Structure formats: structure tokens, C-alpha cells
Amino acid sequence: MDSRLDDLDHHLLALLQANAREPAANLARKLKIARTTVVARIARLEREGIVAGYGVRLGHRLEQAVVRAFCGLSVNAKGASAVMRALDRLPEVEEVWAVSGEFDYMVLLRCGTPEQLDALLDQLGQIEGVKQTQTSIVLSRKIDRRGAVT
């Protein structure tokens, strides 16, 4: 985490991560500071890129209604940018990481059914520049520290 953050910033970030829709007045009460201070701190955190945005985190029921998989991709070096453009166009692609090791990219996929995942994997294998894929279906999430402030 950024060294310019003080304890109050860390506490504010933790509260926002728990509930980004919490009114500034409630945050101020919890932090025991003025509402205007909360508003100013949030504005500074956004301006400095520490808070990059706000979103919706899906609940457990909806999460169980999807099939997720990690797919390792090996790509031709000259085709990497074209592969990334193709991945960016697929709505089922949630995240892509460039990694070291056996694969060049790890892709997190999200589909409604196993059949949709099967068709998507066929599509990924046909992208120009993709040499090899290897897929592991997510069975369950054991630890989730997304959003944890350190």
C-alpha cells in the first residue's frame, strides 16, 4: 500500500471496501472526524489513483450460478497483442494476467453453463497466435482477500 497513507486513510479505505455506498456522514461518525474531512480524503484518494473506482461484488447465490475457470495460454511472441485484443472482445473473460512460467497469460473465465465454457475454450484455441491452452475449472473459493487493506 502507498506509504503516503496514514492510519485514518487505511481505516477509511477498509470502511469503503466493506460498503462503498456508506454515506459520508456515517463514515465520519465511525472515524470520529468531520464529514467534510471524509469527503476531502475520499476526493484525494480518488485523485491520487488510490481509489480507482467503485463496483458491485456479486453475492454467493449468483456466484454459484456460474462456471469459472482459469485458462493458461501460451502465445506466439509476435501474436501477443492480437491475442490480447481478441481476449478483450470476449465478455466471458473477466481478467487476464501476464505471468512467468509455463504459460504467458492466465485468463479467468466466467460462463453460465459448462457447455458455454466448452464452446469458449474452443474459441480461445482458435485465436490466431494461441499455441496452447490448459484449463482448470474452479470448484470453490477457499480464501478471498480481495479488497483487504494492508
C-alpha atoms as a PDB file:
ATOM      1  CA  MET A   1       0.000   0.000   0.000  1.00  0.00           C
ATOM      2  CA  ASP A   2       1.098   3.574  -0.594  1.00  0.00           C
ATOM      3  CA  SER A   3       3.413   4.986   2.116  1.00  0.00           C
ATOM      4  CA  ARG A   4       1.617   8.366   1.925  1.00  0.00           C
ATOM      5  CA  LEU A   5      -1.423   6.809   3.586  1.00  0.00           C
ATOM      6  CA  ASP A   6      -1.852   7.339   7.286  1.00  0.00           C
ATOM      7  CA  ASP A   7      -3.878   5.242   9.727  1.00  0.00           C
ATOM      8  CA  LEU A   8      -7.012   7.284   9.063  1.00  0.00           C
ATOM      9  CA  ASP A   9      -6.696   6.666   5.306  1.00  0.00           C
ATOM     10  CA  HIS A  10      -6.316   2.926   5.918  1.00  0.00           C
ATOM     11  CA  HIS A  11      -9.358   2.865   8.184  1.00  0.00           C
ATOM     12  CA  LEU A  12     -11.395   4.878   5.670  1.00  0.00           C
ATOM     13  CA  LEU A  13     -10.374   2.534   2.845  1.00  0.00           C
ATOM     14  CA  ALA A  14     -11.364  -0.503   4.914  1.00  0.00           C
ATOM     15  CA  LEU A  15     -14.797   1.014   5.577  1.00  0.00           C
ATOM     16  CA  LEU A  16     -15.265   1.859   1.883  1.00  0.00           C
ATOM     17  CA  GLN A  17     -14.261  -1.645   0.864  1.00  0.00           C
ATOM     18  CA  ALA A  18     -16.794  -3.101   3.270  1.00  0.00           C
ATOM     19  CA  ASN A  19     -19.521  -0.800   1.921  1.00  0.00           C
ATOM     20  CA  ALA A  20     -18.648   1.705  -0.798  1.00  0.00           C
ATOM     21  CA  ARG A  21     -22.184   3.113  -0.575  1.00  0.00           C
ATOM     22  CA  GLU A  22     -21.835   4.119   3.083  1.00  0.00           C
ATOM     23  CA  PRO A  23     -22.839   7.780   3.432  1.00  0.00           C
ATOM     24  CA  ALA A  24     -20.046  10.189   4.298  1.00  0.00           C
ATOM     25  CA  ALA A  25     -21.871  11.174   7.499  1.00  0.00           C
ATOM     26  CA  ASN A  26     -21.844   7.547   8.710  1.00  0.00           C
ATOM     27  CA  LEU A  27     -18.181   7.182   7.802  1.00  0.00           C
ATOM     28  CA  ALA A  28     -17.413  10.371   9.717  1.00  0.00           C
ATOM     29  CA  ARG A  29     -19.184   9.048  12.818  1.00  0.00           C
ATOM     30  CA  LYS A  30     -17.302   5.755  12.658  1.00  0.00           C
ATOM     31  CA  LEU A  31     -13.977   7.529  12.169  1.00  0.00           C
ATOM     32  CA  LYS A  32     -14.810  10.262  14.704  1.00  0.00           C
ATOM     33  CA  ILE A  33     -13.967  13.050  12.256  1.00  0.00           C
ATOM     34  CA  ALA A  34     -15.919  15.725  10.374  1.00  0.00           C
ATOM     35  CA  ARG A  35     -17.957  14.741   7.312  1.00  0.00           C
ATOM     36  CA  THR A  36     -16.106  17.356   5.247  1.00  0.00           C
ATOM     37  CA  THR A  37     -12.819  15.666   6.199  1.00  0.00           C
ATOM     38  CA  VAL A  38     -14.173  12.322   4.946  1.00  0.00           C
ATOM     39  CA  VAL A  39     -15.304  13.902   1.675  1.00  0.00           C
ATOM     40  CA  ALA A  40     -11.923  15.625   1.211  1.00  0.00           C
ATOM     41  CA  ARG A  41      -9.987  12.430   1.981  1.00  0.00           C
ATOM     42  CA  ILE A  42     -12.051  10.372  -0.463  1.00  0.00           C
ATOM     43  CA  ALA A  43     -11.538  13.030  -3.156  1.00  0.00           C
ATOM     44  CA  ARG A  44      -7.775  12.965  -2.532  1.00  0.00           C
ATOM     45  CA  LEU A  45      -7.657   9.148  -2.622  1.00  0.00           C
ATOM     46  CA  GLU A  46      -9.544   9.183  -5.937  1.00  0.00           C
ATOM     47  CA  ARG A  47      -7.378  11.978  -7.390  1.00  0.00           C
ATOM     48  CA  GLU A  48      -4.167  10.130  -6.457  1.00  0.00           C
ATOM     49  CA  GLY A  49      -5.421   6.899  -8.015  1.00  0.00           C
ATOM     50  CA  ILE A  50      -5.515   5.011  -4.728  1.00  0.00           C
ATOM     51  CA  VAL A  51      -9.270   4.587  -5.155  1.00  0.00           C
ATOM     52  CA  ALA A  52      -9.681   3.641  -8.793  1.00  0.00           C
ATOM     53  CA  GLY A  53     -13.434   3.100  -8.783  1.00  0.00           C
ATOM     54  CA  TYR A  54     -16.428   1.530  -7.147  1.00  0.00           C
ATOM     55  CA  GLY A  55     -18.232  -1.615  -8.159  1.00  0.00           C
ATOM     56  CA  VAL A  56     -20.642  -4.340  -7.270  1.00  0.00           C
ATOM     57  CA  ARG A  57     -19.475  -7.578  -5.723  1.00  0.00           C
ATOM     58  CA  LEU A  58     -21.843 -10.407  -6.524  1.00  0.00           C
ATOM     59  CA  GLY A  59     -23.424 -12.387  -3.738  1.00  0.00           C
ATOM     60  CA  HIS A  60     -22.884 -16.055  -3.026  1.00  0.00           C
ATOM     61  CA  ARG A  61     -26.115 -17.196  -4.738  1.00  0.00           C
ATOM     62  CA  LEU A  62     -25.234 -15.567  -8.035  1.00  0.00           C
ATOM     63  CA  GLU A  63     -21.599 -16.676  -7.813  1.00  0.00           C
ATOM     64  CA  GLN A  64     -22.764 -20.296  -7.560  1.00  0.00           C
ATOM     65  CA  ALA A  65     -24.835 -19.910 -10.728  1.00  0.00           C
ATOM     66  CA  VAL A  66     -21.764 -19.580 -12.947  1.00  0.00           C
ATOM     67  CA  VAL A  67     -18.910 -21.760 -14.124  1.00  0.00           C
ATOM     68  CA  ARG A  68     -15.496 -20.212 -13.641  1.00  0.00           C
ATOM     69  CA  ALA A  69     -12.211 -21.474 -14.975  1.00  0.00           C
ATOM     70  CA  PHE A  70      -8.579 -20.457 -15.118  1.00  0.00           C
ATOM     71  CA  CYS A  71      -7.064 -20.925 -18.553  1.00  0.00           C
ATOM     72  CA  GLY A  72      -3.331 -20.783 -19.146  1.00  0.00           C
ATOM     73  CA  LEU A  73      -2.400 -19.533 -22.621  1.00  0.00           C
ATOM     74  CA  SER A  74       0.879 -19.942 -24.449  1.00  0.00           C
ATOM     75  CA  VAL A  75       1.130 -17.486 -27.327  1.00  0.00           C
ATOM     76  CA  ASN A  76       3.490 -16.689 -30.165  1.00  0.00           C
ATOM     77  CA  ALA A  77       5.532 -13.633 -29.177  1.00  0.00           C
ATOM     78  CA  LYS A  78       4.603 -11.765 -32.363  1.00  0.00           C
ATOM     79  CA  GLY A  79       0.917 -12.540 -31.879  1.00  0.00           C
ATOM     80  CA  ALA A  80       0.599 -11.407 -28.267  1.00  0.00           C
ATOM     81  CA  SER A  81      -1.045  -8.053 -28.983  1.00  0.00           C
ATOM     82  CA  ALA A  82      -3.569  -9.634 -31.373  1.00  0.00           C
ATOM     83  CA  VAL A  83      -4.367 -12.294 -28.752  1.00  0.00           C
ATOM     84  CA  MET A  84      -4.954  -9.584 -26.139  1.00  0.00           C
ATOM     85  CA  ARG A  85      -7.278  -7.702 -28.499  1.00  0.00           C
ATOM     86  CA  ALA A  86      -9.250 -10.898 -29.138  1.00  0.00           C
ATOM     87  CA  LEU A  87      -9.499 -11.651 -25.402  1.00  0.00           C
ATOM     88  CA  ASP A  88     -10.650  -8.092 -24.706  1.00  0.00           C
ATOM     89  CA  ARG A  89     -13.608  -8.603 -27.063  1.00  0.00           C
ATOM     90  CA  LEU A  90     -14.874 -11.680 -25.181  1.00  0.00           C
ATOM     91  CA  PRO A  91     -17.323 -10.754 -22.398  1.00  0.00           C
ATOM     92  CA  GLU A  92     -16.653 -14.074 -20.615  1.00  0.00           C
ATOM     93  CA  VAL A  93     -13.051 -13.024 -19.984  1.00  0.00           C
ATOM     94  CA  GLU A  94     -13.024 -11.436 -16.522  1.00  0.00           C
ATOM     95  CA  GLU A  95      -9.303 -10.920 -16.013  1.00  0.00           C
ATOM     96  CA  VAL A  96      -6.028 -11.562 -17.810  1.00  0.00           C
ATOM     97  CA  TRP A  97      -2.636 -11.701 -16.108  1.00  0.00           C
ATOM     98  CA  ALA A  98       0.750 -11.840 -17.806  1.00  0.00           C
ATOM     99  CA  VAL A  99       2.684 -14.492 -15.898  1.00  0.00           C
ATOM    100  CA  SER A 100       6.048 -16.208 -15.847  1.00  0.00           C
ATOM    101  CA  GLY A 101       6.411 -19.950 -16.139  1.00  0.00           C
ATOM    102  CA  GLU A 102       4.791 -22.458 -18.455  1.00  0.00           C
ATOM    103  CA  PHE A 103       2.186 -20.004 -19.788  1.00  0.00           C
ATOM    104  CA  ASP A 104       2.313 -16.430 -21.000  1.00  0.00           C
ATOM    105  CA  TYR A 105      -1.131 -15.460 -19.704  1.00  0.00           C
ATOM    106  CA  MET A 106      -3.597 -16.699 -17.109  1.00  0.00           C
ATOM    107  CA  VAL A 107      -7.180 -15.904 -18.007  1.00  0.00           C
ATOM    108  CA  LEU A 108     -10.119 -16.016 -15.613  1.00  0.00           C
ATOM    109  CA  LEU A 109     -13.238 -17.076 -17.496  1.00  0.00           C
ATOM    110  CA  ARG A 110     -16.871 -16.884 -16.421  1.00  0.00           C
ATOM    111  CA  CYS A 111     -19.673 -18.743 -18.212  1.00  0.00           C
ATOM    112  CA  GLY A 112     -23.272 -19.598 -17.444  1.00  0.00           C
ATOM    113  CA  THR A 113     -23.017 -23.323 -18.170  1.00  0.00           C
ATOM    114  CA  PRO A 114     -20.367 -25.984 -18.763  1.00  0.00           C
ATOM    115  CA  GLU A 115     -21.479 -26.097 -22.394  1.00  0.00           C
ATOM    116  CA  GLN A 116     -20.800 -22.383 -22.800  1.00  0.00           C
ATOM    117  CA  LEU A 117     -17.360 -22.869 -21.253  1.00  0.00           C
ATOM    118  CA  ASP A 118     -16.652 -25.720 -23.670  1.00  0.00           C
ATOM    119  CA  ALA A 119     -17.576 -23.545 -26.665  1.00  0.00           C
ATOM    120  CA  LEU A 120     -15.491 -20.647 -25.279  1.00  0.00           C
ATOM    121  CA  LEU A 121     -12.446 -22.885 -24.845  1.00  0.00           C
ATOM    122  CA  ASP A 122     -12.799 -23.990 -28.481  1.00  0.00           C
ATOM    123  CA  GLN A 123     -12.934 -20.308 -29.443  1.00  0.00           C
ATOM    124  CA  LEU A 124      -9.833 -19.470 -27.388  1.00  0.00           C
ATOM    125  CA  GLY A 125      -7.873 -22.276 -29.025  1.00  0.00           C
ATOM    126  CA  GLN A 126      -8.700 -20.866 -32.462  1.00  0.00           C
ATOM    127  CA  ILE A 127      -7.418 -17.345 -31.764  1.00  0.00           C
ATOM    128  CA  GLU A 128      -4.544 -16.547 -34.111  1.00  0.00           C
ATOM    129  CA  GLY A 129      -1.333 -16.622 -32.077  1.00  0.00           C
ATOM    130  CA  VAL A 130      -2.511 -19.024 -29.357  1.00  0.00           C
ATOM    131  CA  LYS A 131      -0.187 -22.053 -29.290  1.00  0.00           C
ATOM    132  CA  GLN A 132      -1.570 -23.960 -26.317  1.00  0.00           C
ATOM    133  CA  THR A 133      -4.219 -23.752 -23.612  1.00  0.00           C
ATOM    134  CA  GLN A 134      -4.683 -25.556 -20.333  1.00  0.00           C
ATOM    135  CA  THR A 135      -7.827 -25.089 -18.281  1.00  0.00           C
ATOM    136  CA  SER A 136      -8.780 -25.759 -14.676  1.00  0.00           C
ATOM    137  CA  ILE A 137     -12.407 -25.368 -13.610  1.00  0.00           C
ATOM    138  CA  VAL A 138     -12.915 -23.545 -10.322  1.00  0.00           C
ATOM    139  CA  LEU A 139     -14.685 -25.793  -7.807  1.00  0.00           C
ATOM    140  CA  SER A 140     -14.871 -23.361  -4.886  1.00  0.00           C
ATOM    141  CA  ARG A 141     -13.179 -20.321  -3.385  1.00  0.00           C
ATOM    142  CA  LYS A 142     -11.399 -21.156  -0.133  1.00  0.00           C
ATOM    143  CA  ILE A 143      -9.902 -17.751   0.755  1.00  0.00           C
ATOM    144  CA  ASP A 144     -10.987 -14.347  -0.507  1.00  0.00           C
ATOM    145  CA  ARG A 145      -8.881 -11.348   0.456  1.00  0.00           C
ATOM    146  CA  ARG A 146      -9.966  -9.154  -2.428  1.00  0.00           C
ATOM    147  CA  GLY A 147     -10.496  -5.708  -1.057  1.00  0.00           C
ATOM    148  CA  ALA A 148      -8.394  -6.282   2.042  1.00  0.00           C
ATOM    149  CA  VAL A 149      -6.465  -3.192   3.093  1.00  0.00           C
ATOM    150  CA  THR A 150      -2.932  -3.894   4.291  1.00  0.00           C
END
